[in-house]
C-alpha cells in the first residue's frame, strides 16, 4: 500500500478526519439538493420543459452516470462516516456528538443515526422508482411524449398520484431537511469557516435553505394530490 493510501486511512480513522469527510461530502450533497430541486420544479413549466430538460441530461450519459456515481459515493460515505463518528465519540466521551460552543446536542444531532437510516431507505426507493423504474411500467411506450422523449412529466404525475408514495416522500423530505438544518452550519464549523460575527447568519441561512428545499420539493406531490398538476 502506498504512502498516500496509508496517510488517507490514518486520516480517516481519526475523529478530525471523519468530520472533514462528513463536511466535504455534505457540502457536495447540499449543492446537489438545490440543483435537483430546480430541475424538478420545471414540472410547473409544463411537460415539454421538464421532458426536454431530462432528455438533455440523458444526452450526456458519461457525465450523467459519472455524477450519479459520485453523488451516491458522497451520500453513502456521508451517512456511514457520520454513524461511525457518532459511535466513536460515544465510546470515547460517553456522550453524543455535540457542536462546540453548545451545551447539548440539537434534536437533529441526537437522532441523526435513525433519520439517516430512513433517508437511506428513501433514496434507495426513490432511485428504484424513478431512475431504475423497478416494478412499474415507466419504461413503456406509454411514457414517450410526442417529441419522442421520455415523459418525465407523466411519470411524476402518476408516481405521486399514489398517496402512500407521496406521504413517504414528504415524510422523508422532512427528515432530510431537519438533518440539513443541523448539517449546514456544521459544514462551516468543521472547515474552520466559523466566526462569532457571522455564526448567527450561517445558522439562519441553514434554516432558510432547508425550508426552501422542503417547500420546493414537497410542493410537487402536494400539487399532484391536490389536482393542481395533472
C-alpha atoms as a PDB file:
ATOM      1  CA  UNK A   1       0.000   0.000   0.000  1.00  0.00           C
ATOM      2  CA  UNK A   2       1.473   3.366  -0.977  1.00  0.00           C
ATOM      3  CA  UNK A   3       2.149   6.319   1.275  1.00  0.00           C
ATOM      4  CA  UNK A   4      -0.876   8.297   0.050  1.00  0.00           C
ATOM      5  CA  UNK A   5      -3.259   5.427   0.821  1.00  0.00           C
ATOM      6  CA  UNK A   6      -1.735   4.902   4.268  1.00  0.00           C
ATOM      7  CA  UNK A   7      -1.982   8.613   5.017  1.00  0.00           C
ATOM      8  CA  UNK A   8      -5.636   8.704   3.975  1.00  0.00           C
ATOM      9  CA  UNK A   9      -6.524   5.654   6.087  1.00  0.00           C
ATOM     10  CA  UNK A  10      -4.790   7.190   9.098  1.00  0.00           C
ATOM     11  CA  UNK A  11      -6.588  10.482   8.462  1.00  0.00           C
ATOM     12  CA  UNK A  12      -9.955   8.746   8.064  1.00  0.00           C
ATOM     13  CA  UNK A  13      -9.562   6.784  11.299  1.00  0.00           C
ATOM     14  CA  UNK A  14      -9.149   9.999  13.286  1.00  0.00           C
ATOM     15  CA  UNK A  15     -12.131  11.941  14.604  1.00  0.00           C
ATOM     16  CA  UNK A  16     -10.998  15.082  12.778  1.00  0.00           C
ATOM     17  CA  UNK A  17     -10.615  13.159   9.528  1.00  0.00           C
ATOM     18  CA  UNK A  18     -14.136  11.781   9.765  1.00  0.00           C
ATOM     19  CA  UNK A  19     -15.532  15.250  10.466  1.00  0.00           C
ATOM     20  CA  UNK A  20     -13.787  16.656   7.390  1.00  0.00           C
ATOM     21  CA  UNK A  21     -15.114  13.807   5.212  1.00  0.00           C
ATOM     22  CA  UNK A  22     -18.630  14.402   6.553  1.00  0.00           C
ATOM     23  CA  UNK A  23     -18.304  18.143   5.880  1.00  0.00           C
ATOM     24  CA  UNK A  24     -16.952  17.817   2.328  1.00  0.00           C
ATOM     25  CA  UNK A  25     -19.463  15.156   1.270  1.00  0.00           C
ATOM     26  CA  UNK A  26     -22.203  17.156   2.973  1.00  0.00           C
ATOM     27  CA  UNK A  27     -21.243  20.257   1.009  1.00  0.00           C
ATOM     28  CA  UNK A  28     -21.493  18.300  -2.247  1.00  0.00           C
ATOM     29  CA  UNK A  29     -24.920  16.978  -1.274  1.00  0.00           C
ATOM     30  CA  UNK A  30     -26.137  20.431  -0.245  1.00  0.00           C
ATOM     31  CA  UNK A  31     -25.310  21.715  -3.711  1.00  0.00           C
ATOM     32  CA  UNK A  32     -26.929  18.721  -5.381  1.00  0.00           C
ATOM     33  CA  UNK A  33     -30.187  19.197  -3.465  1.00  0.00           C
ATOM     34  CA  UNK A  34     -30.598  22.696  -4.869  1.00  0.00           C
ATOM     35  CA  UNK A  35     -29.812  21.659  -8.439  1.00  0.00           C
ATOM     36  CA  UNK A  36     -32.083  18.624  -8.240  1.00  0.00           C
ATOM     37  CA  UNK A  37     -34.940  20.710  -6.861  1.00  0.00           C
ATOM     38  CA  UNK A  38     -34.580  23.357  -9.581  1.00  0.00           C
ATOM     39  CA  UNK A  39     -34.712  20.622 -12.204  1.00  0.00           C
ATOM     40  CA  UNK A  40     -37.804  19.048 -10.668  1.00  0.00           C
ATOM     41  CA  UNK A  41     -39.579  22.400 -10.423  1.00  0.00           C
ATOM     42  CA  UNK A  42     -39.533  22.590 -14.217  1.00  0.00           C
ATOM     43  CA  UNK A  43     -42.659  20.445 -13.974  1.00  0.00           C
ATOM     44  CA  UNK A  44     -44.579  23.684 -13.319  1.00  0.00           C
ATOM     45  CA  UNK A  45     -43.431  24.988 -16.719  1.00  0.00           C
ATOM     46  CA  UNK A  46     -45.199  22.103 -18.432  1.00  0.00           C
ATOM     47  CA  UNK A  47     -44.423  18.697 -19.904  1.00  0.00           C
ATOM     48  CA  UNK A  48     -42.275  19.987 -22.773  1.00  0.00           C
ATOM     49  CA  UNK A  49     -39.916  21.867 -20.458  1.00  0.00           C
ATOM     50  CA  UNK A  50     -39.210  19.092 -17.966  1.00  0.00           C
ATOM     51  CA  UNK A  51     -39.131  16.363 -20.624  1.00  0.00           C
ATOM     52  CA  UNK A  52     -36.673  18.356 -22.748  1.00  0.00           C
ATOM     53  CA  UNK A  53     -34.545  19.018 -19.673  1.00  0.00           C
ATOM     54  CA  UNK A  54     -34.453  15.291 -18.849  1.00  0.00           C
ATOM     55  CA  UNK A  55     -33.605  14.457 -22.475  1.00  0.00           C
ATOM     56  CA  UNK A  56     -30.743  16.968 -22.383  1.00  0.00           C
ATOM     57  CA  UNK A  57     -29.335  15.326 -19.244  1.00  0.00           C
ATOM     58  CA  UNK A  58     -29.566  11.874 -20.810  1.00  0.00           C
ATOM     59  CA  UNK A  59     -27.819  13.112 -23.953  1.00  0.00           C
ATOM     60  CA  UNK A  60     -24.621  13.170 -21.855  1.00  0.00           C
ATOM     61  CA  UNK A  61     -24.526   9.623 -20.417  1.00  0.00           C
ATOM     62  CA  UNK A  62     -20.891   9.740 -19.321  1.00  0.00           C
ATOM     63  CA  UNK A  63     -21.403  12.994 -17.424  1.00  0.00           C
ATOM     64  CA  UNK A  64     -24.770  11.863 -16.041  1.00  0.00           C
ATOM     65  CA  UNK A  65     -23.577   8.499 -14.763  1.00  0.00           C
ATOM     66  CA  UNK A  66     -20.334   9.995 -13.501  1.00  0.00           C
ATOM     67  CA  UNK A  67     -22.360  12.482 -11.473  1.00  0.00           C
ATOM     68  CA  UNK A  68     -24.711   9.763 -10.229  1.00  0.00           C
ATOM     69  CA  UNK A  69     -21.869   7.526  -9.079  1.00  0.00           C
ATOM     70  CA  UNK A  70     -20.098  10.452  -7.438  1.00  0.00           C
ATOM     71  CA  UNK A  71     -23.252  11.560  -5.637  1.00  0.00           C
ATOM     72  CA  UNK A  72     -24.013   8.040  -4.425  1.00  0.00           C
ATOM     73  CA  UNK A  73     -20.445   7.767  -3.136  1.00  0.00           C
ATOM     74  CA  UNK A  74     -20.841  11.097  -1.336  1.00  0.00           C
ATOM     75  CA  UNK A  75     -24.231  10.108   0.046  1.00  0.00           C
ATOM     76  CA  UNK A  76     -23.284   6.719   1.459  1.00  0.00           C
ATOM     77  CA  UNK A  77     -19.864   7.996   2.519  1.00  0.00           C
ATOM     78  CA  UNK A  78     -21.565  10.847   4.374  1.00  0.00           C
ATOM     79  CA  UNK A  79     -24.091   8.630   6.148  1.00  0.00           C
ATOM     80  CA  UNK A  80     -21.674   5.829   7.040  1.00  0.00           C
ATOM     81  CA  UNK A  81     -18.947   8.203   8.236  1.00  0.00           C
ATOM     82  CA  UNK A  82     -21.455  10.167  10.324  1.00  0.00           C
ATOM     83  CA  UNK A  83     -22.640   6.977  12.023  1.00  0.00           C
ATOM     84  CA  UNK A  84     -19.035   5.913  12.651  1.00  0.00           C
ATOM     85  CA  UNK A  85     -18.250   9.357  14.070  1.00  0.00           C
ATOM     86  CA  UNK A  86     -21.210   9.272  16.450  1.00  0.00           C
ATOM     87  CA  UNK A  87     -20.292   5.781  17.675  1.00  0.00           C
ATOM     88  CA  UNK A  88     -16.631   6.765  18.058  1.00  0.00           C
ATOM     89  CA  UNK A  89     -17.493   9.863  20.078  1.00  0.00           C
ATOM     90  CA  UNK A  90     -19.933   7.996  22.303  1.00  0.00           C
ATOM     91  CA  UNK A  91     -17.292   5.400  23.083  1.00  0.00           C
ATOM     92  CA  UNK A  92     -14.556   7.927  23.789  1.00  0.00           C
ATOM     93  CA  UNK A  93     -16.603  10.558  25.605  1.00  0.00           C
ATOM     94  CA  UNK A  94     -19.641   8.651  26.797  1.00  0.00           C
ATOM     95  CA  UNK A  95     -21.871  11.259  25.176  1.00  0.00           C
ATOM     96  CA  UNK A  96     -23.457  12.124  21.861  1.00  0.00           C
ATOM     97  CA  UNK A  97     -21.835  14.267  19.183  1.00  0.00           C
ATOM     98  CA  UNK A  98     -22.214  17.922  20.087  1.00  0.00           C
ATOM     99  CA  UNK A  99     -21.322  21.201  18.497  1.00  0.00           C
ATOM    100  CA  UNK A 100     -18.575  23.234  20.048  1.00  0.00           C
ATOM    101  CA  UNK A 101     -19.939  26.223  21.979  1.00  0.00           C
ATOM    102  CA  UNK A 102     -23.254  24.450  22.736  1.00  0.00           C
ATOM    103  CA  UNK A 103     -24.333  22.775  25.955  1.00  0.00           C
ATOM    104  CA  UNK A 104     -26.281  19.915  24.420  1.00  0.00           C
ATOM    105  CA  UNK A 105     -26.934  18.332  21.075  1.00  0.00           C
ATOM    106  CA  UNK A 106     -29.831  19.514  18.990  1.00  0.00           C
ATOM    107  CA  UNK A 107     -32.725  17.235  18.126  1.00  0.00           C
ATOM    108  CA  UNK A 108     -31.243  16.629  14.690  1.00  0.00           C
ATOM    109  CA  UNK A 109     -27.869  15.501  16.048  1.00  0.00           C
ATOM    110  CA  UNK A 110     -29.431  13.255  18.709  1.00  0.00           C
ATOM    111  CA  UNK A 111     -31.402  11.334  16.098  1.00  0.00           C
ATOM    112  CA  UNK A 112     -29.019  11.561  13.141  1.00  0.00           C
ATOM    113  CA  UNK A 113     -28.465   7.797  13.005  1.00  0.00           C
ATOM    114  CA  UNK A 114     -32.152   6.899  12.807  1.00  0.00           C
ATOM    115  CA  UNK A 115     -33.010   9.727  10.441  1.00  0.00           C
ATOM    116  CA  UNK A 116     -30.021   8.716   8.322  1.00  0.00           C
ATOM    117  CA  UNK A 117     -31.254   5.128   8.065  1.00  0.00           C
ATOM    118  CA  UNK A 118     -34.726   6.274   6.979  1.00  0.00           C
ATOM    119  CA  UNK A 119     -33.198   8.662   4.446  1.00  0.00           C
ATOM    120  CA  UNK A 120     -31.095   5.802   3.027  1.00  0.00           C
ATOM    121  CA  UNK A 121     -34.274   3.737   2.601  1.00  0.00           C
ATOM    122  CA  UNK A 122     -35.944   6.698   0.890  1.00  0.00           C
ATOM    123  CA  UNK A 123     -33.050   7.254  -1.521  1.00  0.00           C
ATOM    124  CA  UNK A 124     -32.992   3.559  -2.454  1.00  0.00           C
ATOM    125  CA  UNK A 125     -36.764   3.611  -3.038  1.00  0.00           C
ATOM    126  CA  UNK A 126     -36.574   6.872  -4.996  1.00  0.00           C
ATOM    127  CA  UNK A 127     -33.837   5.512  -7.276  1.00  0.00           C
ATOM    128  CA  UNK A 128     -35.683   2.232  -7.850  1.00  0.00           C
ATOM    129  CA  UNK A 129     -38.927   4.099  -8.521  1.00  0.00           C
ATOM    130  CA  UNK A 130     -37.824   6.863 -10.887  1.00  0.00           C
ATOM    131  CA  UNK A 131     -34.293   6.022 -12.098  1.00  0.00           C
ATOM    132  CA  UNK A 132     -34.203   2.227 -12.352  1.00  0.00           C
ATOM    133  CA  UNK A 133     -38.015   2.182 -12.823  1.00  0.00           C
ATOM    134  CA  UNK A 134     -38.322  -1.105 -10.992  1.00  0.00           C
ATOM    135  CA  UNK A 135     -41.752  -2.773 -10.631  1.00  0.00           C
ATOM    136  CA  UNK A 136     -43.523  -0.184 -12.805  1.00  0.00           C
ATOM    137  CA  UNK A 137     -44.135   0.483 -16.498  1.00  0.00           C
ATOM    138  CA  UNK A 138     -42.359   3.855 -16.691  1.00  0.00           C
ATOM    139  CA  UNK A 139     -40.101   2.487 -19.448  1.00  0.00           C
ATOM    140  CA  UNK A 140     -43.035   1.510 -21.664  1.00  0.00           C
ATOM    141  CA  UNK A 141     -44.271   3.307 -24.778  1.00  0.00           C
ATOM    142  CA  UNK A 142     -46.992   4.892 -22.643  1.00  0.00           C
ATOM    143  CA  UNK A 143     -44.293   7.176 -21.242  1.00  0.00           C
ATOM    144  CA  UNK A 144     -42.990   8.604 -24.513  1.00  0.00           C
ATOM    145  CA  UNK A 145     -44.083  12.167 -25.284  1.00  0.00           C
ATOM    146  CA  UNK A 146     -44.988  13.474 -28.793  1.00  0.00           C
ATOM    147  CA  UNK A 147     -41.377  14.620 -29.284  1.00  0.00           C
ATOM    148  CA  UNK A 148     -40.029  11.130 -28.675  1.00  0.00           C
ATOM    149  CA  UNK A 149     -38.618  11.995 -25.246  1.00  0.00           C
ATOM    150  CA  UNK A 150     -39.242  10.045 -22.083  1.00  0.00           C
ATOM    151  CA  UNK A 151     -42.370  11.539 -20.488  1.00  0.00           C
ATOM    152  CA  UNK A 152     -40.947  12.541 -17.117  1.00  0.00           C
ATOM    153  CA  UNK A 153     -43.953  14.800 -16.544  1.00  0.00           C
ATOM    154  CA  UNK A 154     -46.421  11.919 -16.783  1.00  0.00           C
ATOM    155  CA  UNK A 155     -44.114   9.683 -14.742  1.00  0.00           C
ATOM    156  CA  UNK A 156     -44.018  12.164 -11.862  1.00  0.00           C
ATOM    157  CA  UNK A 157     -47.761  12.755 -12.002  1.00  0.00           C
ATOM    158  CA  UNK A 158     -48.544   9.040 -11.969  1.00  0.00           C
ATOM    159  CA  UNK A 159     -45.945   8.302  -9.306  1.00  0.00           C
ATOM    160  CA  UNK A 160     -47.159  10.939  -6.871  1.00  0.00           C
ATOM    161  CA  UNK A 161     -50.829  10.210  -7.577  1.00  0.00           C
ATOM    162  CA  UNK A 162     -50.431   7.179  -5.304  1.00  0.00           C
ATOM    163  CA  UNK A 163     -50.805   8.872  -1.926  1.00  0.00           C
ATOM    164  CA  UNK A 164     -48.633   6.433   0.117  1.00  0.00           C
ATOM    165  CA  UNK A 165     -45.673   7.260  -2.161  1.00  0.00           C
ATOM    166  CA  UNK A 166     -46.315  10.992  -1.770  1.00  0.00           C
ATOM    167  CA  UNK A 167     -46.678  10.671   2.002  1.00  0.00           C
ATOM    168  CA  UNK A 168     -43.410   8.742   2.281  1.00  0.00           C
ATOM    169  CA  UNK A 169     -41.707  11.332   0.066  1.00  0.00           C
ATOM    170  CA  UNK A 170     -42.924  14.244   2.199  1.00  0.00           C
ATOM    171  CA  UNK A 171     -42.014  12.479   5.463  1.00  0.00           C
ATOM    172  CA  UNK A 172     -38.542  11.595   4.173  1.00  0.00           C
ATOM    173  CA  UNK A 173     -38.013  15.117   2.855  1.00  0.00           C
ATOM    174  CA  UNK A 174     -38.945  16.500   6.283  1.00  0.00           C
ATOM    175  CA  UNK A 175     -36.318  14.268   7.899  1.00  0.00           C
ATOM    176  CA  UNK A 176     -33.761  15.185   5.250  1.00  0.00           C
ATOM    177  CA  UNK A 177     -34.310  18.917   5.728  1.00  0.00           C
ATOM    178  CA  UNK A 178     -34.261  18.562   9.511  1.00  0.00           C
ATOM    179  CA  UNK A 179     -30.930  16.789   9.065  1.00  0.00           C
ATOM    180  CA  UNK A 180     -29.842  19.541   6.665  1.00  0.00           C
ATOM    181  CA  UNK A 181     -30.711  22.315   9.129  1.00  0.00           C
ATOM    182  CA  UNK A 182     -28.216  20.731  11.533  1.00  0.00           C
ATOM    183  CA  UNK A 183     -25.567  19.857   8.972  1.00  0.00           C
ATOM    184  CA  UNK A 184     -25.437  23.158   7.062  1.00  0.00           C
ATOM    185  CA  UNK A 185     -23.861  25.041   9.952  1.00  0.00           C
ATOM    186  CA  UNK A 186     -21.707  22.048  10.882  1.00  0.00           C
ATOM    187  CA  UNK A 187     -20.015  22.154   7.462  1.00  0.00           C
ATOM    188  CA  UNK A 188     -18.809  25.718   8.034  1.00  0.00           C
ATOM    189  CA  UNK A 189     -17.651  24.925  11.551  1.00  0.00           C
ATOM    190  CA  UNK A 190     -15.747  21.782  10.587  1.00  0.00           C
ATOM    191  CA  UNK A 191     -13.978  23.520   7.697  1.00  0.00           C
ATOM    192  CA  UNK A 192     -12.894  26.331  10.013  1.00  0.00           C
ATOM    193  CA  UNK A 193     -15.133  28.956   8.434  1.00  0.00           C
ATOM    194  CA  UNK A 194     -16.977  29.837  11.617  1.00  0.00           C
ATOM    195  CA  UNK A 195     -16.600  33.208  13.284  1.00  0.00           C
ATOM    196  CA  UNK A 196     -18.710  34.609  16.090  1.00  0.00           C
ATOM    197  CA  UNK A 197     -19.695  37.582  13.926  1.00  0.00           C
ATOM    198  CA  UNK A 198     -21.334  35.505  11.210  1.00  0.00           C
ATOM    199  CA  UNK A 199     -22.381  32.395  13.158  1.00  0.00           C
ATOM    200  CA  UNK A 200     -25.954  33.604  13.613  1.00  0.00           C
ATOM    201  CA  UNK A 201     -26.159  34.389   9.888  1.00  0.00           C
ATOM    202  CA  UNK A 202     -24.803  30.941   8.976  1.00  0.00           C
ATOM    203  CA  UNK A 203     -27.350  29.192  11.185  1.00  0.00           C
ATOM    204  CA  UNK A 204     -30.207  31.320   9.841  1.00  0.00           C
ATOM    205  CA  UNK A 205     -29.077  30.619   6.274  1.00  0.00           C
ATOM    206  CA  UNK A 206     -29.063  26.899   7.033  1.00  0.00           C
ATOM    207  CA  UNK A 207     -32.625  27.005   8.351  1.00  0.00           C
ATOM    208  CA  UNK A 208     -33.797  29.088   5.383  1.00  0.00           C
ATOM    209  CA  UNK A 209     -32.049  26.801   2.878  1.00  0.00           C
ATOM    210  CA  UNK A 210     -33.594  23.720   4.485  1.00  0.00           C
ATOM    211  CA  UNK A 211     -37.042  25.304   4.363  1.00  0.00           C
ATOM    212  CA  UNK A 212     -36.646  26.236   0.689  1.00  0.00           C
ATOM    213  CA  UNK A 213     -35.604  22.680  -0.216  1.00  0.00           C
ATOM    214  CA  UNK A 214     -38.506  21.221   1.758  1.00  0.00           C
ATOM    215  CA  UNK A 215     -41.180  23.535   0.353  1.00  0.00           C
ATOM    216  CA  UNK A 216     -39.876  23.329  -3.212  1.00  0.00           C
ATOM    217  CA  UNK A 217     -39.648  19.547  -3.356  1.00  0.00           C
ATOM    218  CA  UNK A 218     -42.803  18.799  -1.374  1.00  0.00           C
ATOM    219  CA  UNK A 219     -44.856  21.239  -3.425  1.00  0.00           C
ATOM    220  CA  UNK A 220     -44.796  18.711  -6.282  1.00  0.00           C
ATOM    221  CA  UNK A 221     -46.520  15.737  -4.581  1.00  0.00           C
ATOM    222  CA  UNK A 222     -48.880  18.146  -2.812  1.00  0.00           C
ATOM    223  CA  UNK A 223     -49.800  19.774  -6.137  1.00  0.00           C
ATOM    224  CA  UNK A 224     -50.367  16.369  -7.735  1.00  0.00           C
ATOM    225  CA  UNK A 225     -52.591  15.142  -4.905  1.00  0.00           C
ATOM    226  CA  UNK A 226     -54.492  18.445  -4.884  1.00  0.00           C
ATOM    227  CA  UNK A 227     -55.093  18.224  -8.628  1.00  0.00           C
ATOM    228  CA  UNK A 228     -53.117  21.354  -9.443  1.00  0.00           C
ATOM    229  CA  UNK A 229     -50.782  19.267 -11.603  1.00  0.00           C
ATOM    230  CA  UNK A 230     -52.337  16.661 -13.861  1.00  0.00           C
END
